[in-house]
Amino acid sequence: MSNAQAPAPTSRREQILKEAARLFAERGFHGVGVDEIGAAVGISGPGLYRHFAGKDAMLAELLVGISERLLAGGRMRVAEGGEDPEAVLHALIDGHIDFALDDRPLITVHDRELDRLREADRKRVRQLQRQYVELWVEVVRQVHPGPSESQARAAVHAVFGLLNSTPHLGRPGSLPGRTEMAELLHRLALGAFGAVAAEGAEAPAGESVAAAGESVAAGA
């Protein structure tokens, strides 16, 4: 007898958020009405107000929620990796790839609509993203101790930009299958970290590729 557990049923609230993310990504926040979101999950527009105060509340839960999930998942992978930083880095990359491939609408919504959040929610997202970045920076520096902290941080931002490019990679069917795409993204991420390690080893003291500027940790 198999011990595998069936996936937990998706709640109505989760269904609403998934459809809201899809519609916001396709048409923009202001291009979608409450009635359309309700129709996508089979309830009346006014019925949504039993779950959310309105579209603003949905947007906040989407963007704050994914930032919380990424950070919690990252911390879990660090804890599970124990004393093997290379294994932790591989797990972090795989976890972010899962997000980048499976939650593409959220990446698009984050890029377009973050500034529509209330200031408190926007600050919360940025705070969570910074913590997520620093978690990666610490692991990257354990695996590649040569680069400076700022170089490692720049590399993490660059890898996030690479992985979070999935909404722009082409139409469905024009790319490799999910498994192949995940493997490709993983290799590219490792290559980016390896490149900054080589740069850090070769650059004269005092020089830093991070001086190129701060990248935005989108989706994070």
N, C-alpha and C. Protein backbone atom coordinates (compact mmCIF):
# COMPACT_ATOMS: atom_id res chain seq x y z
N MET A 1 0.84 -1.20 0.00
CA MET A 1 0.00 0.00 0.00
C MET A 1 0.87 1.25 0.00
N SER A 2 0.57 2.18 -0.82
CA SER A 2 1.35 3.40 -0.90
C SER A 2 1.06 4.31 0.28
N ASN A 3 2.13 4.95 0.80
CA ASN A 3 1.98 5.91 1.88
C ASN A 3 1.85 7.33 1.36
N ALA A 4 1.85 7.48 0.05
CA ALA A 4 1.78 8.84 -0.52
C ALA A 4 0.43 9.45 -0.18
N GLN A 5 0.46 10.71 0.21
CA GLN A 5 -0.74 11.43 0.56
C GLN A 5 -1.25 12.19 -0.65
N ALA A 6 -2.55 12.22 -0.80
CA ALA A 6 -3.14 13.01 -1.88
C ALA A 6 -2.91 14.49 -1.61
N PRO A 7 -2.72 15.30 -2.66
CA PRO A 7 -2.53 16.74 -2.45
C PRO A 7 -3.72 17.33 -1.72
N ALA A 8 -3.42 18.28 -0.84
CA ALA A 8 -4.49 18.95 -0.11
C ALA A 8 -5.40 19.67 -1.09
N PRO A 9 -6.71 19.60 -0.89
CA PRO A 9 -7.61 20.30 -1.81
C PRO A 9 -7.38 21.80 -1.76
N THR A 10 -7.50 22.41 -2.93
CA THR A 10 -7.31 23.85 -3.02
C THR A 10 -8.53 24.55 -2.44
N SER A 11 -8.31 25.49 -1.55
CA SER A 11 -9.42 26.22 -0.96
C SER A 11 -9.99 27.22 -1.96
N ARG A 12 -11.21 27.65 -1.69
CA ARG A 12 -11.81 28.66 -2.56
C ARG A 12 -10.96 29.93 -2.56
N ARG A 13 -10.44 30.29 -1.42
CA ARG A 13 -9.59 31.49 -1.33
C ARG A 13 -8.36 31.35 -2.23
N GLU A 14 -7.75 30.18 -2.22
CA GLU A 14 -6.58 29.94 -3.08
C GLU A 14 -6.97 29.97 -4.55
N GLN A 15 -8.14 29.43 -4.86
CA GLN A 15 -8.62 29.48 -6.24
C GLN A 15 -8.78 30.91 -6.71
N ILE A 16 -9.36 31.74 -5.86
CA ILE A 16 -9.57 33.14 -6.20
C ILE A 16 -8.24 33.83 -6.46
N LEU A 17 -7.27 33.59 -5.59
CA LEU A 17 -5.97 34.23 -5.75
C LEU A 17 -5.28 33.77 -7.03
N LYS A 18 -5.38 32.48 -7.33
CA LYS A 18 -4.74 31.97 -8.56
C LYS A 18 -5.34 32.63 -9.80
N GLU A 19 -6.67 32.72 -9.84
CA GLU A 19 -7.31 33.33 -11.00
C GLU A 19 -7.06 34.84 -11.05
N ALA A 20 -7.02 35.48 -9.89
CA ALA A 20 -6.72 36.91 -9.86
C ALA A 20 -5.33 37.17 -10.41
N ALA A 21 -4.36 36.34 -10.00
CA ALA A 21 -2.99 36.50 -10.51
C ALA A 21 -2.95 36.34 -12.02
N ARG A 22 -3.64 35.33 -12.52
CA ARG A 22 -3.65 35.09 -13.98
C ARG A 22 -4.26 36.28 -14.71
N LEU A 23 -5.39 36.76 -14.23
CA LEU A 23 -6.07 37.87 -14.91
C LEU A 23 -5.29 39.18 -14.78
N PHE A 24 -4.73 39.44 -13.60
CA PHE A 24 -3.92 40.65 -13.44
C PHE A 24 -2.71 40.62 -14.37
N ALA A 25 -2.11 39.43 -14.53
CA ALA A 25 -0.94 39.32 -15.41
C ALA A 25 -1.33 39.52 -16.86
N GLU A 26 -2.51 39.02 -17.25
CA GLU A 26 -2.94 39.12 -18.65
C GLU A 26 -3.42 40.52 -19.01
N ARG A 27 -4.16 41.16 -18.11
CA ARG A 27 -4.84 42.40 -18.47
C ARG A 27 -4.45 43.61 -17.63
N GLY A 28 -3.65 43.41 -16.60
CA GLY A 28 -3.32 44.51 -15.72
C GLY A 28 -4.34 44.64 -14.60
N PHE A 29 -3.92 45.19 -13.49
CA PHE A 29 -4.78 45.30 -12.31
C PHE A 29 -6.06 46.07 -12.63
N HIS A 30 -5.94 47.20 -13.31
CA HIS A 30 -7.12 48.02 -13.58
C HIS A 30 -7.94 47.49 -14.75
N GLY A 31 -7.42 46.52 -15.46
CA GLY A 31 -8.15 45.95 -16.58
C GLY A 31 -9.04 44.78 -16.20
N VAL A 32 -9.08 44.45 -14.91
CA VAL A 32 -9.85 43.29 -14.44
C VAL A 32 -10.85 43.75 -13.39
N GLY A 33 -12.08 43.32 -13.54
CA GLY A 33 -13.10 43.64 -12.57
C GLY A 33 -13.35 42.49 -11.60
N VAL A 34 -13.96 42.82 -10.48
CA VAL A 34 -14.28 41.80 -9.49
C VAL A 34 -15.20 40.74 -10.08
N ASP A 35 -16.14 41.16 -10.93
CA ASP A 35 -17.06 40.20 -11.54
C ASP A 35 -16.32 39.17 -12.39
N GLU A 36 -15.26 39.60 -13.09
CA GLU A 36 -14.49 38.68 -13.92
C GLU A 36 -13.74 37.66 -13.08
N ILE A 37 -13.19 38.12 -11.97
CA ILE A 37 -12.49 37.19 -11.08
C ILE A 37 -13.48 36.19 -10.51
N GLY A 38 -14.64 36.68 -10.11
CA GLY A 38 -15.66 35.78 -9.58
C GLY A 38 -16.09 34.75 -10.61
N ALA A 39 -16.31 35.20 -11.85
CA ALA A 39 -16.74 34.28 -12.90
C ALA A 39 -15.69 33.20 -13.14
N ALA A 40 -14.41 33.54 -12.99
CA ALA A 40 -13.34 32.57 -13.24
C ALA A 40 -13.35 31.43 -12.22
N VAL A 41 -13.92 31.68 -11.04
CA VAL A 41 -13.97 30.63 -10.02
C VAL A 41 -15.40 30.16 -9.76
N GLY A 42 -16.34 30.65 -10.56
CA GLY A 42 -17.69 30.15 -10.48
C GLY A 42 -18.55 30.74 -9.38
N ILE A 43 -18.23 31.96 -8.96
CA ILE A 43 -19.08 32.62 -7.97
C ILE A 43 -19.36 34.04 -8.45
N SER A 44 -20.34 34.68 -7.86
CA SER A 44 -20.68 36.04 -8.26
C SER A 44 -19.60 37.00 -7.77
N GLY A 45 -19.48 38.12 -8.47
CA GLY A 45 -18.53 39.14 -8.04
C GLY A 45 -18.73 39.54 -6.59
N PRO A 46 -19.96 39.88 -6.20
CA PRO A 46 -20.18 40.24 -4.79
C PRO A 46 -19.81 39.12 -3.82
N GLY A 47 -19.90 37.86 -4.29
CA GLY A 47 -19.54 36.74 -3.43
C GLY A 47 -18.07 36.75 -3.03
N LEU A 48 -17.24 37.41 -3.84
CA LEU A 48 -15.82 37.51 -3.50
C LEU A 48 -15.59 38.25 -2.20
N TYR A 49 -16.51 39.15 -1.88
CA TYR A 49 -16.30 39.97 -0.69
C TYR A 49 -16.44 39.17 0.60
N ARG A 50 -16.90 37.93 0.49
CA ARG A 50 -16.86 37.06 1.66
C ARG A 50 -15.45 36.58 1.95
N HIS A 51 -14.59 36.69 0.95
CA HIS A 51 -13.21 36.21 1.09
C HIS A 51 -12.19 37.34 1.14
N PHE A 52 -12.45 38.41 0.39
CA PHE A 52 -11.50 39.52 0.30
C PHE A 52 -12.27 40.83 0.34
N ALA A 53 -11.64 41.85 0.90
CA ALA A 53 -12.28 43.16 0.95
C ALA A 53 -12.38 43.79 -0.44
N GLY A 54 -11.55 43.34 -1.38
CA GLY A 54 -11.57 43.90 -2.72
C GLY A 54 -10.32 43.52 -3.48
N LYS A 55 -10.14 44.10 -4.66
CA LYS A 55 -8.98 43.76 -5.49
C LYS A 55 -7.68 44.15 -4.81
N ASP A 56 -7.67 45.27 -4.12
CA ASP A 56 -6.44 45.70 -3.44
C ASP A 56 -5.98 44.65 -2.44
N ALA A 57 -6.93 44.08 -1.72
CA ALA A 57 -6.59 43.04 -0.73
C ALA A 57 -6.05 41.80 -1.42
N MET A 58 -6.62 41.44 -2.57
CA MET A 58 -6.10 40.29 -3.32
C MET A 58 -4.67 40.54 -3.77
N LEU A 59 -4.42 41.72 -4.31
CA LEU A 59 -3.07 42.04 -4.78
C LEU A 59 -2.07 41.98 -3.65
N ALA A 60 -2.44 42.54 -2.49
CA ALA A 60 -1.54 42.52 -1.34
C ALA A 60 -1.24 41.10 -0.90
N GLU A 61 -2.28 40.26 -0.84
CA GLU A 61 -2.05 38.88 -0.41
C GLU A 61 -1.20 38.13 -1.42
N LEU A 62 -1.37 38.40 -2.70
CA LEU A 62 -0.56 37.74 -3.71
C LEU A 62 0.92 38.09 -3.55
N LEU A 63 1.22 39.37 -3.44
CA LEU A 63 2.62 39.80 -3.47
C LEU A 63 3.31 39.62 -2.12
N VAL A 64 2.62 39.93 -1.03
CA VAL A 64 3.21 39.65 0.27
C VAL A 64 3.32 38.14 0.48
N GLY A 65 2.28 37.42 0.05
CA GLY A 65 2.26 35.98 0.25
C GLY A 65 3.39 35.25 -0.45
N ILE A 66 3.67 35.61 -1.71
CA ILE A 66 4.74 34.89 -2.41
C ILE A 66 6.09 35.24 -1.82
N SER A 67 6.28 36.46 -1.35
CA SER A 67 7.54 36.83 -0.71
C SER A 67 7.73 36.05 0.58
N GLU A 68 6.65 35.87 1.33
CA GLU A 68 6.72 35.08 2.56
C GLU A 68 7.04 33.62 2.25
N ARG A 69 6.42 33.08 1.21
CA ARG A 69 6.63 31.68 0.87
C ARG A 69 8.06 31.42 0.39
N LEU A 70 8.59 32.33 -0.42
CA LEU A 70 9.96 32.17 -0.88
C LEU A 70 10.95 32.19 0.28
N LEU A 71 10.76 33.12 1.20
CA LEU A 71 11.67 33.21 2.34
C LEU A 71 11.54 31.98 3.23
N ALA A 72 10.31 31.57 3.51
CA ALA A 72 10.12 30.39 4.36
C ALA A 72 10.71 29.15 3.70
N GLY A 73 10.50 29.00 2.39
CA GLY A 73 11.07 27.87 1.68
C GLY A 73 12.59 27.90 1.68
N GLY A 74 13.16 29.09 1.51
CA GLY A 74 14.61 29.22 1.54
C GLY A 74 15.18 28.83 2.90
N ARG A 75 14.55 29.31 3.95
CA ARG A 75 15.02 28.97 5.30
C ARG A 75 14.91 27.47 5.56
N MET A 76 13.85 26.86 5.07
CA MET A 76 13.68 25.42 5.25
C MET A 76 14.80 24.66 4.54
N ARG A 77 15.14 25.08 3.32
CA ARG A 77 16.18 24.39 2.57
C ARG A 77 17.55 24.57 3.23
N VAL A 78 17.80 25.74 3.79
CA VAL A 78 19.06 25.94 4.52
C VAL A 78 19.12 25.02 5.73
N ALA A 79 18.02 24.93 6.46
CA ALA A 79 18.00 24.08 7.65
C ALA A 79 18.17 22.61 7.29
N GLU A 80 17.54 22.19 6.21
CA GLU A 80 17.61 20.78 5.80
C GLU A 80 18.97 20.42 5.22
N GLY A 81 19.69 21.42 4.68
CA GLY A 81 20.98 21.15 4.04
C GLY A 81 22.10 20.89 5.01
N GLY A 82 21.90 21.26 6.27
CA GLY A 82 22.91 20.99 7.29
C GLY A 82 24.24 21.65 7.00
N GLU A 83 25.29 20.84 7.01
CA GLU A 83 26.67 21.36 6.88
C GLU A 83 27.19 21.28 5.45
N ASP A 84 26.32 21.13 4.49
CA ASP A 84 26.75 21.00 3.08
C ASP A 84 26.25 22.21 2.29
N PRO A 85 27.03 23.29 2.23
CA PRO A 85 26.55 24.49 1.55
C PRO A 85 26.28 24.29 0.07
N GLU A 86 27.02 23.40 -0.59
CA GLU A 86 26.76 23.17 -2.01
C GLU A 86 25.38 22.54 -2.21
N ALA A 87 25.03 21.60 -1.34
CA ALA A 87 23.70 21.00 -1.42
C ALA A 87 22.63 22.04 -1.15
N VAL A 88 22.89 22.95 -0.22
CA VAL A 88 21.93 24.01 0.09
C VAL A 88 21.75 24.92 -1.12
N LEU A 89 22.85 25.28 -1.77
CA LEU A 89 22.75 26.16 -2.94
C LEU A 89 21.95 25.49 -4.05
N HIS A 90 22.21 24.22 -4.29
CA HIS A 90 21.42 23.49 -5.30
C HIS A 90 19.94 23.50 -4.93
N ALA A 91 19.64 23.29 -3.65
CA ALA A 91 18.24 23.26 -3.21
C ALA A 91 17.59 24.63 -3.35
N LEU A 92 18.32 25.69 -3.03
CA LEU A 92 17.78 27.04 -3.19
C LEU A 92 17.47 27.32 -4.65
N ILE A 93 18.38 26.95 -5.52
CA ILE A 93 18.16 27.17 -6.96
C ILE A 93 16.93 26.40 -7.42
N ASP A 94 16.83 25.13 -7.02
CA ASP A 94 15.69 24.33 -7.44
C ASP A 94 14.38 24.92 -6.93
N GLY A 95 14.38 25.39 -5.69
CA GLY A 95 13.17 25.97 -5.13
C GLY A 95 12.73 27.21 -5.88
N HIS A 96 13.68 28.05 -6.24
CA HIS A 96 13.33 29.27 -6.96
C HIS A 96 12.91 28.94 -8.39
N ILE A 97 13.51 27.93 -8.98
CA ILE A 97 13.10 27.51 -10.33
C ILE A 97 11.65 27.02 -10.30
N ASP A 98 11.28 26.27 -9.27
CA ASP A 98 9.89 25.83 -9.16
C ASP A 98 8.94 27.04 -9.17
N PHE A 99 9.30 28.06 -8.40
CA PHE A 99 8.49 29.28 -8.39
C PHE A 99 8.46 29.92 -9.77
N ALA A 100 9.64 30.04 -10.40
CA ALA A 100 9.73 30.74 -11.68
C ALA A 100 8.96 30.03 -12.79
N LEU A 101 8.89 28.70 -12.74
CA LEU A 101 8.18 27.95 -13.77
C LEU A 101 6.70 27.79 -13.47
N ASP A 102 6.35 27.70 -12.20
CA ASP A 102 4.97 27.39 -11.84
C ASP A 102 4.13 28.60 -11.47
N ASP A 103 4.77 29.73 -11.20
CA ASP A 103 4.04 30.93 -10.77
C ASP A 103 4.40 32.13 -11.65
N ARG A 104 4.48 31.90 -12.95
CA ARG A 104 4.86 32.98 -13.85
C ARG A 104 3.94 34.20 -13.74
N PRO A 105 2.62 34.02 -13.62
CA PRO A 105 1.78 35.22 -13.50
C PRO A 105 2.17 36.11 -12.31
N LEU A 106 2.61 35.50 -11.21
CA LEU A 106 2.99 36.31 -10.05
C LEU A 106 4.22 37.16 -10.35
N ILE A 107 5.14 36.64 -11.15
CA ILE A 107 6.31 37.43 -11.52
C ILE A 107 5.87 38.66 -12.31
N THR A 108 4.97 38.45 -13.26
CA THR A 108 4.47 39.56 -14.06
C THR A 108 3.72 40.57 -13.20
N VAL A 109 2.89 40.08 -12.31
CA VAL A 109 2.12 40.97 -11.43
C VAL A 109 3.06 41.77 -10.54
N HIS A 110 4.06 41.12 -10.01
CA HIS A 110 5.03 41.83 -9.16
C HIS A 110 5.70 42.96 -9.94
N ASP A 111 6.15 42.64 -11.15
CA ASP A 111 6.87 43.64 -11.94
C ASP A 111 5.99 44.85 -12.26
N ARG A 112 4.72 44.60 -12.53
CA ARG A 112 3.84 45.68 -13.00
C ARG A 112 3.10 46.41 -11.88
N GLU A 113 2.78 45.69 -10.81
CA GLU A 113 1.79 46.21 -9.88
C GLU A 113 2.31 46.45 -8.47
N LEU A 114 3.58 46.20 -8.20
CA LEU A 114 4.08 46.36 -6.83
C LEU A 114 3.80 47.75 -6.28
N ASP A 115 3.96 48.77 -7.10
CA ASP A 115 3.77 50.14 -6.63
C ASP A 115 2.32 50.46 -6.29
N ARG A 116 1.39 49.58 -6.63
CA ARG A 116 -0.01 49.82 -6.30
C ARG A 116 -0.35 49.39 -4.87
N LEU A 117 0.56 48.66 -4.23
CA LEU A 117 0.30 48.26 -2.86
C LEU A 117 0.32 49.45 -1.92
N ARG A 118 -0.38 49.31 -0.81
CA ARG A 118 -0.25 50.31 0.25
C ARG A 118 1.20 50.35 0.70
N GLU A 119 1.61 51.49 1.23
CA GLU A 119 3.01 51.65 1.60
C GLU A 119 3.46 50.57 2.58
N ALA A 120 2.62 50.25 3.56
CA ALA A 120 3.00 49.25 4.56
C ALA A 120 3.21 47.88 3.91
N ASP A 121 2.34 47.51 2.98
CA ASP A 121 2.48 46.22 2.30
C ASP A 121 3.71 46.22 1.39
N ARG A 122 3.94 47.34 0.72
CA ARG A 122 5.11 47.42 -0.16
C ARG A 122 6.40 47.31 0.64
N LYS A 123 6.44 47.95 1.79
CA LYS A 123 7.62 47.85 2.64
C LYS A 123 7.82 46.43 3.14
N ARG A 124 6.71 45.75 3.44
CA ARG A 124 6.80 44.37 3.90
C ARG A 124 7.39 43.48 2.81
N VAL A 125 6.93 43.66 1.57
CA VAL A 125 7.47 42.89 0.46
C VAL A 125 8.97 43.13 0.32
N ARG A 126 9.38 44.39 0.35
CA ARG A 126 10.81 44.71 0.20
C ARG A 126 11.63 44.12 1.35
N GLN A 127 11.09 44.17 2.56
CA GLN A 127 11.79 43.60 3.71
C GLN A 127 11.99 42.10 3.54
N LEU A 128 10.94 41.41 3.14
CA LEU A 128 11.04 39.97 2.92
C LEU A 128 12.02 39.64 1.81
N GLN A 129 12.00 40.43 0.75
CA GLN A 129 12.92 40.20 -0.36
C GLN A 129 14.37 40.39 0.07
N ARG A 130 14.63 41.41 0.87
CA ARG A 130 16.01 41.62 1.34
C ARG A 130 16.48 40.44 2.17
N GLN A 131 15.62 39.93 3.02
CA GLN A 131 16.00 38.79 3.84
C GLN A 131 16.27 37.56 2.98
N TYR A 132 15.46 37.40 1.95
CA TYR A 132 15.65 36.27 1.02
C TYR A 132 16.98 36.40 0.28
N VAL A 133 17.29 37.58 -0.18
CA VAL A 133 18.57 37.82 -0.86
C VAL A 133 19.73 37.50 0.06
N GLU A 134 19.68 38.02 1.30
CA GLU A 134 20.81 37.82 2.21
C GLU A 134 20.98 36.36 2.58
N LEU A 135 19.90 35.61 2.63
CA LEU A 135 20.00 34.18 2.88
C LEU A 135 20.82 33.52 1.76
N TRP A 136 20.52 33.88 0.53
CA TRP A 136 21.28 33.35 -0.61
C TRP A 136 22.73 33.81 -0.57
N VAL A 137 22.95 35.08 -0.25
CA VAL A 137 24.31 35.62 -0.24
C VAL A 137 25.19 34.82 0.72
N GLU A 138 24.66 34.52 1.88
CA GLU A 138 25.44 33.78 2.86
C GLU A 138 25.83 32.41 2.33
N VAL A 139 24.89 31.73 1.68
CA VAL A 139 25.18 30.40 1.14
C VAL A 139 26.17 30.49 -0.02
N VAL A 140 25.98 31.45 -0.91
CA VAL A 140 26.89 31.60 -2.04
C VAL A 140 28.31 31.84 -1.56
N ARG A 141 28.47 32.63 -0.52
CA ARG A 141 29.82 32.93 -0.02
C ARG A 141 30.44 31.73 0.68
N GLN A 142 29.61 30.84 1.19
CA GLN A 142 30.16 29.60 1.75
C GLN A 142 30.67 28.69 0.65
N VAL A 143 29.94 28.67 -0.47
CA VAL A 143 30.36 27.82 -1.59
C VAL A 143 31.52 28.46 -2.35
N HIS A 144 31.45 29.78 -2.53
CA HIS A 144 32.48 30.53 -3.28
C HIS A 144 33.02 31.64 -2.37
N PRO A 145 33.99 31.33 -1.52
CA PRO A 145 34.47 32.32 -0.55
C PRO A 145 35.31 33.44 -1.15
N GLY A 146 35.74 33.31 -2.41
CA GLY A 146 36.60 34.31 -3.00
C GLY A 146 35.96 35.67 -3.21
N PRO A 147 34.78 35.75 -3.82
CA PRO A 147 34.17 37.05 -4.11
C PRO A 147 33.80 37.80 -2.83
N SER A 148 33.79 39.12 -2.95
CA SER A 148 33.37 39.95 -1.82
C SER A 148 31.87 39.79 -1.59
N GLU A 149 31.41 40.30 -0.46
CA GLU A 149 29.99 40.24 -0.16
C GLU A 149 29.17 40.97 -1.21
N SER A 150 29.66 42.13 -1.65
CA SER A 150 28.91 42.89 -2.65
C SER A 150 28.89 42.17 -3.99
N GLN A 151 29.98 41.48 -4.34
CA GLN A 151 29.99 40.69 -5.57
C GLN A 151 28.98 39.54 -5.48
N ALA A 152 28.97 38.88 -4.35
CA ALA A 152 28.03 37.77 -4.17
C ALA A 152 26.59 38.27 -4.24
N ARG A 153 26.34 39.42 -3.65
CA ARG A 153 24.97 39.97 -3.68
C ARG A 153 24.58 40.34 -5.10
N ALA A 154 25.50 40.92 -5.84
CA ALA A 154 25.21 41.26 -7.24
C ALA A 154 24.91 39.99 -8.04
N ALA A 155 25.65 38.93 -7.76
CA ALA A 155 25.42 37.67 -8.47
C ALA A 155 24.05 37.09 -8.13
N VAL A 156 23.64 37.18 -6.88
CA VAL A 156 22.32 36.69 -6.48
C VAL A 156 21.23 37.47 -7.20
N HIS A 157 21.34 38.79 -7.25
CA HIS A 157 20.35 39.59 -7.97
C HIS A 157 20.32 39.20 -9.45
N ALA A 158 21.50 38.98 -10.03
CA ALA A 158 21.56 38.62 -11.44
C ALA A 158 20.90 37.26 -11.69
N VAL A 159 21.11 36.32 -10.79
CA VAL A 159 20.50 35.00 -10.95
C VAL A 159 18.99 35.10 -10.79
N PHE A 160 18.52 35.91 -9.86
CA PHE A 160 17.07 36.11 -9.75
C PHE A 160 16.52 36.69 -11.04
N GLY A 161 17.24 37.65 -11.62
CA GLY A 161 16.79 38.21 -12.90
C GLY A 161 16.72 37.15 -13.98
N LEU A 162 17.71 36.26 -14.00
CA LEU A 162 17.73 35.17 -14.97
C LEU A 162 16.54 34.23 -14.76
N LEU A 163 16.37 33.77 -13.54
CA LEU A 163 15.31 32.79 -13.27
C LEU A 163 13.93 33.41 -13.43
N ASN A 164 13.80 34.68 -13.04
CA ASN A 164 12.50 35.33 -13.12
C ASN A 164 12.16 35.84 -14.52
N SER A 165 13.00 35.48 -15.49
CA SER A 165 12.71 35.87 -16.88
C SER A 165 11.71 34.93 -17.54
N THR A 166 11.25 33.90 -16.83
CA THR A 166 10.41 32.88 -17.44
C THR A 166 9.15 33.42 -18.12
N PRO A 167 8.49 34.49 -17.63
CA PRO A 167 7.32 34.97 -18.36
C PRO A 167 7.63 35.51 -19.75
N HIS A 168 8.91 35.75 -20.04
CA HIS A 168 9.29 36.38 -21.30
C HIS A 168 10.01 35.41 -22.25
N LEU A 169 10.01 34.13 -21.92
CA LEU A 169 10.83 33.18 -22.67
C LEU A 169 10.17 32.65 -23.93
N GLY A 170 8.90 32.94 -24.13
CA GLY A 170 8.26 32.48 -25.36
C GLY A 170 6.90 31.87 -25.10
N ARG A 171 6.23 31.56 -26.16
CA ARG A 171 4.91 30.97 -26.06
C ARG A 171 4.99 29.53 -25.56
N PRO A 172 3.94 29.05 -24.89
CA PRO A 172 3.90 27.63 -24.51
C PRO A 172 4.10 26.75 -25.73
N GLY A 173 4.93 25.74 -25.59
CA GLY A 173 5.21 24.85 -26.70
C GLY A 173 6.45 25.23 -27.48
N SER A 174 6.94 26.48 -27.30
CA SER A 174 8.12 26.90 -28.04
C SER A 174 9.40 26.66 -27.25
N LEU A 175 9.25 26.16 -26.02
CA LEU A 175 10.39 25.93 -25.14
C LEU A 175 10.53 24.44 -24.84
N PRO A 176 11.66 24.04 -24.26
CA PRO A 176 11.78 22.65 -23.82
C PRO A 176 10.70 22.32 -22.79
N GLY A 177 10.51 21.04 -22.52
CA GLY A 177 9.58 20.62 -21.49
C GLY A 177 10.01 21.13 -20.12
N ARG A 178 9.11 20.99 -19.14
CA ARG A 178 9.39 21.56 -17.83
C ARG A 178 10.68 21.01 -17.23
N THR A 179 10.87 19.69 -17.29
CA THR A 179 12.06 19.09 -16.70
C THR A 179 13.33 19.61 -17.37
N GLU A 180 13.32 19.65 -18.70
CA GLU A 180 14.49 20.16 -19.42
C GLU A 180 14.73 21.63 -19.10
N MET A 181 13.65 22.40 -19.03
CA MET A 181 13.80 23.83 -18.74
C MET A 181 14.35 24.04 -17.35
N ALA A 182 13.87 23.26 -16.38
CA ALA A 182 14.37 23.38 -15.02
C ALA A 182 15.86 23.04 -14.96
N GLU A 183 16.27 22.00 -15.67
CA GLU A 183 17.68 21.62 -15.69
C GLU A 183 18.53 22.70 -16.34
N LEU A 184 18.02 23.28 -17.42
CA LEU A 184 18.75 24.35 -18.10
C LEU A 184 18.92 25.56 -17.19
N LEU A 185 17.84 25.98 -16.55
CA LEU A 185 17.93 27.13 -15.64
C LEU A 185 18.88 26.85 -14.49
N HIS A 186 18.88 25.64 -14.01
CA HIS A 186 19.78 25.28 -12.91
C HIS A 186 21.23 25.42 -13.35
N ARG A 187 21.54 24.90 -14.54
CA ARG A 187 22.91 25.01 -15.04
C ARG A 187 23.31 26.46 -15.25
N LEU A 188 22.39 27.26 -15.77
CA LEU A 188 22.70 28.67 -16.00
C LEU A 188 22.96 29.40 -14.68
N ALA A 189 22.16 29.09 -13.66
CA ALA A 189 22.36 29.73 -12.36
C ALA A 189 23.71 29.35 -11.77
N LEU A 190 24.04 28.07 -11.83
CA LEU A 190 25.34 27.63 -11.32
C LEU A 190 26.48 28.29 -12.10
N GLY A 191 26.29 28.42 -13.42
CA GLY A 191 27.31 29.07 -14.23
C GLY A 191 27.52 30.52 -13.85
N ALA A 192 26.42 31.21 -13.52
CA ALA A 192 26.55 32.61 -13.11
C ALA A 192 27.32 32.73 -11.81
N PHE A 193 27.03 31.86 -10.86
CA PHE A 193 27.77 31.91 -9.60
C PHE A 193 29.22 31.51 -9.79
N GLY A 194 29.46 30.55 -10.68
CA GLY A 194 30.83 30.18 -10.97
C GLY A 194 31.60 31.30 -11.63
N ALA A 195 30.92 32.08 -12.47
CA ALA A 195 31.58 33.20 -13.16
C ALA A 195 31.99 34.28 -12.18
N VAL A 196 31.12 34.60 -11.24
CA VAL A 196 31.48 35.65 -10.27
C VAL A 196 32.57 35.15 -9.34
N ALA A 197 32.62 33.83 -9.09
CA ALA A 197 33.70 33.28 -8.28
C ALA A 197 35.03 33.45 -9.01
N ALA A 198 35.02 33.17 -10.32
CA ALA A 198 36.24 33.34 -11.11
C ALA A 198 36.64 34.80 -11.17
N GLU A 199 35.65 35.70 -11.33
CA GLU A 199 35.93 37.13 -11.38
C GLU A 199 36.51 37.59 -10.06
N GLY A 200 35.94 37.10 -8.96
CA GLY A 200 36.44 37.50 -7.66
C GLY A 200 37.86 37.04 -7.43
N ALA A 201 38.22 35.87 -7.99
CA ALA A 201 39.57 35.36 -7.81
C ALA A 201 40.58 36.13 -8.63
N GLU A 202 40.13 36.69 -9.80
CA GLU A 202 41.06 37.35 -10.71
C GLU A 202 41.12 38.85 -10.55
N ALA A 203 40.05 39.47 -10.01
CA ALA A 203 39.99 40.93 -9.94
C ALA A 203 41.01 41.47 -8.96
N PRO A 204 41.68 42.59 -9.29
CA PRO A 204 42.59 43.22 -8.35
C PRO A 204 41.85 43.63 -7.09
N ALA A 205 42.58 43.71 -6.00
CA ALA A 205 41.97 44.11 -4.73
C ALA A 205 41.29 45.45 -4.88
N GLY A 206 40.13 45.55 -4.29
CA GLY A 206 39.40 46.83 -4.31
C GLY A 206 38.43 46.95 -5.45
N GLU A 207 38.54 46.09 -6.48
CA GLU A 207 37.61 46.16 -7.60
C GLU A 207 36.45 45.23 -7.32
N SER A 208 35.27 45.62 -7.78
CA SER A 208 34.08 44.81 -7.50
C SER A 208 33.12 44.90 -8.66
N VAL A 209 32.69 43.74 -9.15
CA VAL A 209 31.69 43.77 -10.20
C VAL A 209 30.37 44.28 -9.67
N ALA A 210 30.19 44.28 -8.35
CA ALA A 210 28.94 44.78 -7.78
C ALA A 210 28.79 46.28 -7.92
N ALA A 211 29.88 46.97 -8.26
CA ALA A 211 29.79 48.41 -8.43
C ALA A 211 28.90 48.78 -9.60
N ALA A 212 28.52 47.80 -10.39
CA ALA A 212 27.63 48.07 -11.51
C ALA A 212 26.28 48.52 -11.06
N GLY A 213 25.90 48.27 -9.80
CA GLY A 213 24.62 48.78 -9.30
C GLY A 213 23.76 47.70 -8.70
N GLU A 214 22.69 48.13 -8.11
CA GLU A 214 21.74 47.25 -7.44
C GLU A 214 20.72 46.73 -8.44
N SER A 215 20.49 45.44 -8.43
CA SER A 215 19.41 44.85 -9.23
C SER A 215 18.21 44.65 -8.34
N VAL A 216 17.03 44.66 -8.95
CA VAL A 216 15.80 44.45 -8.18
C VAL A 216 15.55 42.98 -8.04
N ALA A 217 15.29 42.53 -6.83
CA ALA A 217 14.99 41.11 -6.58
C ALA A 217 13.53 40.85 -6.86
N ALA A 218 13.15 40.84 -8.10
CA ALA A 218 11.73 40.69 -8.47
C ALA A 218 11.22 39.33 -8.05
N GLY A 219 9.84 39.24 -7.61
CA GLY A 219 9.34 37.99 -7.27
C GLY A 219 9.80 37.36 -6.11
N ALA A 220 10.72 38.16 -5.74
CA ALA A 220 11.21 37.64 -4.54
C ALA A 220 10.32 38.15 -3.53
